[in-house]
Protein backbone atom coordinates (compact mmCIF):
# COMPACT_ATOMS: atom_id res chain seq x y z
CA MET A 1 -41.38 -140.67 -19.86
CA VAL A 2 -38.28 -138.74 -18.86
CA ILE A 3 -36.23 -140.24 -16.05
CA LYS A 4 -33.26 -138.23 -15.05
CA VAL A 5 -29.88 -139.90 -14.65
CA ASN A 6 -29.65 -138.89 -11.00
CA ASP A 7 -33.18 -140.53 -10.43
CA ILE A 8 -31.93 -143.72 -11.91
CA GLU A 9 -28.93 -143.59 -9.68
CA LYS A 10 -31.14 -142.95 -6.64
CA ILE A 11 -33.25 -146.00 -7.59
CA LYS A 12 -30.08 -148.07 -8.01
CA THR A 13 -28.69 -146.93 -4.59
CA ILE A 14 -31.91 -147.95 -2.90
CA VAL A 15 -32.10 -151.36 -4.67
CA LEU A 16 -28.43 -152.06 -3.89
CA SER A 17 -28.97 -151.14 -0.16
CA VAL A 18 -31.71 -153.72 0.10
CA LEU A 19 -29.86 -156.38 -1.83
CA ASP A 20 -26.67 -155.85 0.06
CA GLU A 21 -28.54 -156.28 3.29
CA LEU A 22 -29.92 -159.53 2.17
CA GLY A 23 -26.72 -160.87 0.42
CA ILE A 24 -28.36 -160.91 -2.98
CA GLU A 25 -26.63 -159.85 -6.24
CA LEU A 26 -28.06 -157.24 -8.59
CA VAL A 27 -28.00 -158.36 -12.20
CA ASP A 28 -29.94 -155.56 -13.96
CA ILE A 29 -32.38 -152.80 -13.49
CA LEU A 30 -34.76 -151.60 -16.22
CA LEU A 31 -37.25 -148.73 -15.95
CA GLN A 32 -39.61 -148.77 -18.90
CA GLY A 33 -42.92 -147.34 -19.89
CA ASN A 34 -44.52 -143.85 -19.95
CA ASN A 35 -46.24 -141.52 -17.52
CA ARG A 36 -49.33 -143.67 -17.41
CA LYS A 37 -47.73 -147.07 -17.05
CA LYS A 38 -44.19 -147.41 -15.62
CA VAL A 39 -42.55 -150.73 -14.85
CA LEU A 40 -39.40 -151.09 -12.77
CA ARG A 41 -37.80 -154.52 -13.35
CA VAL A 42 -35.14 -155.63 -10.98
CA TYR A 43 -33.32 -158.79 -11.90
CA VAL A 44 -31.46 -160.44 -9.01
CA HIS A 45 -29.31 -163.53 -8.46
CA GLU A 46 -28.46 -165.71 -5.49
CA GLU A 47 -26.29 -168.70 -5.19
CA GLY A 48 -28.36 -171.79 -5.65
CA GLY A 49 -31.15 -169.78 -7.28
CA ILE A 50 -33.43 -167.09 -6.02
CA THR A 51 -36.83 -168.25 -4.52
CA LEU A 52 -40.21 -166.65 -4.96
CA ASP A 53 -40.32 -165.90 -1.26
CA ARG A 54 -37.07 -163.99 -1.50
CA CYS A 55 -38.25 -162.05 -4.51
CA VAL A 56 -41.40 -161.11 -2.69
CA ARG A 57 -39.39 -159.91 0.37
CA VAL A 58 -37.01 -157.95 -1.84
CA SER A 59 -39.89 -156.36 -3.73
CA ARG A 60 -41.65 -155.26 -0.47
CA MET A 61 -38.44 -153.70 0.93
CA ILE A 62 -37.62 -151.83 -2.25
CA SER A 63 -41.17 -150.69 -2.70
CA ASP A 64 -41.36 -149.30 0.81
CA LEU A 65 -38.20 -147.29 0.25
CA LEU A 66 -39.05 -146.02 -3.17
CA ASP A 67 -42.51 -144.98 -1.97
CA ARG A 68 -41.10 -143.31 1.25
CA ASP A 69 -38.63 -141.25 -0.81
CA ASP A 70 -41.14 -140.67 -3.68
CA ILE A 71 -38.47 -141.19 -6.30
CA ILE A 72 -40.67 -142.57 -9.05
CA THR A 73 -43.58 -140.10 -9.64
CA GLY A 74 -47.02 -141.48 -10.30
CA ARG A 75 -47.97 -145.10 -10.38
CA TYR A 76 -45.56 -147.84 -11.28
CA THR A 77 -45.23 -151.56 -11.10
CA LEU A 78 -42.23 -153.16 -9.49
CA GLU A 79 -41.15 -156.62 -10.72
CA VAL A 80 -38.30 -158.50 -9.00
CA SER A 81 -37.25 -161.77 -10.49
CA SER A 82 -34.48 -164.03 -11.56
CA PRO A 83 -33.04 -163.00 -14.98
CA GLY A 84 -33.78 -166.44 -16.42
CA LEU A 85 -31.87 -168.19 -19.20
CA ASP A 86 -32.74 -165.75 -21.98
CA ARG A 87 -31.27 -162.73 -20.29
CA PRO A 88 -28.33 -160.92 -21.81
CA LEU A 89 -24.92 -161.33 -20.37
CA LYS A 90 -23.39 -157.89 -19.82
CA SER A 91 -20.77 -157.86 -17.11
CA ALA A 92 -17.68 -159.92 -16.23
CA ARG A 93 -19.67 -161.35 -13.25
CA ASP A 94 -22.49 -162.48 -15.66
CA PHE A 95 -19.82 -164.49 -17.66
CA GLU A 96 -18.16 -165.80 -14.46
CA ARG A 97 -21.48 -167.02 -13.07
CA ASN A 98 -22.06 -168.95 -16.33
CA THR A 99 -18.62 -170.50 -16.72
CA GLY A 100 -19.00 -173.74 -18.79
CA GLU A 101 -22.14 -172.58 -20.46
CA LYS A 102 -22.24 -172.22 -24.26
CA VAL A 103 -22.88 -168.61 -25.33
CA LYS A 104 -23.53 -166.73 -28.43
CA ALA A 105 -21.96 -163.31 -28.55
CA ILE A 106 -21.74 -160.38 -31.01
CA ILE A 107 -18.58 -158.40 -30.69
CA LYS A 108 -17.47 -155.30 -32.51
CA ILE A 109 -13.77 -155.13 -33.60
CA GLU A 110 -12.38 -152.43 -35.87
CA GLY A 111 -16.00 -151.25 -36.70
CA GLN A 112 -17.13 -154.73 -37.74
CA GLU A 113 -19.61 -156.91 -35.90
CA LYS A 114 -18.76 -160.57 -35.61
CA GLU A 115 -20.84 -163.35 -34.13
CA ILE A 116 -18.93 -166.02 -32.07
CA THR A 117 -20.14 -169.05 -30.22
CA GLY A 118 -18.32 -171.02 -27.60
CA ARG A 119 -18.23 -172.34 -23.96
CA ILE A 120 -17.17 -169.78 -21.35
CA ASN A 121 -13.80 -171.06 -20.40
CA GLU A 122 -12.49 -168.26 -18.19
CA VAL A 123 -12.96 -164.61 -17.24
CA LYS A 124 -10.01 -162.53 -16.27
CA GLU A 125 -10.51 -158.84 -15.46
CA ASN A 126 -12.41 -157.59 -18.52
CA ASN A 127 -11.36 -160.36 -20.85
CA ILE A 128 -13.73 -163.28 -21.78
CA TYR A 129 -12.25 -166.58 -22.97
CA LEU A 130 -14.53 -168.86 -25.07
CA LEU A 131 -13.69 -172.37 -26.22
CA ASN A 132 -15.10 -173.00 -29.61
CA GLU A 133 -16.09 -176.29 -31.28
CA ASP A 134 -12.56 -176.57 -32.76
CA GLU A 135 -11.10 -176.48 -29.18
CA GLU A 136 -9.58 -173.06 -30.00
CA ILE A 137 -9.74 -170.25 -27.44
CA ILE A 138 -11.45 -167.03 -28.62
CA THR A 139 -10.70 -163.97 -26.49
CA PHE A 140 -12.48 -160.62 -26.45
CA GLU A 141 -12.61 -157.59 -24.18
CA LEU A 142 -15.91 -156.70 -22.58
CA VAL A 143 -15.70 -153.22 -24.14
CA ASN A 144 -16.19 -154.86 -27.52
CA LEU A 145 -19.25 -156.85 -26.44
CA GLN A 146 -22.42 -155.80 -28.24
CA SER A 147 -24.61 -158.58 -27.04
CA ALA A 148 -24.39 -162.03 -25.49
CA LYS A 149 -26.81 -164.76 -24.34
CA ILE A 150 -26.61 -168.31 -23.25
CA PHE A 151 -27.04 -170.61 -26.30
CA VAL A 152 -29.90 -172.95 -25.74
CA GLU A 153 -30.13 -175.81 -28.12
CA PHE A 154 -33.32 -177.89 -28.67
């Protein structure tokens, strides 16, 4: 499936217009699949948690606009949901929202990947500050982030 960059931007514009109207935050958009089976996943966040009813409402509004403008050709499935605990942290806002949580991150510095673990202590501009087990602050810039997730211990 070939999706043009401007099509993805159109999709994002439509999604953001709906979410802005409802006061809901966009976390991520993924368009996956092939010509026969396409899935548009929209991950959203709302203070206090997003309810199923809100996800259904958002889904209907987005679907109506996408179908009206015929942006995604052919059949597709639209899924609107909370990102859940296992979702990757990508933006400064993702880290801010999870301040105090323990995360595992992989950063790339001087061509080398390094895994770090710590609690999100602070987020300033595009710098993330983690507090490790030795009570030391580890700082990295978002541009060096390869991946990060909330660290769930069992």
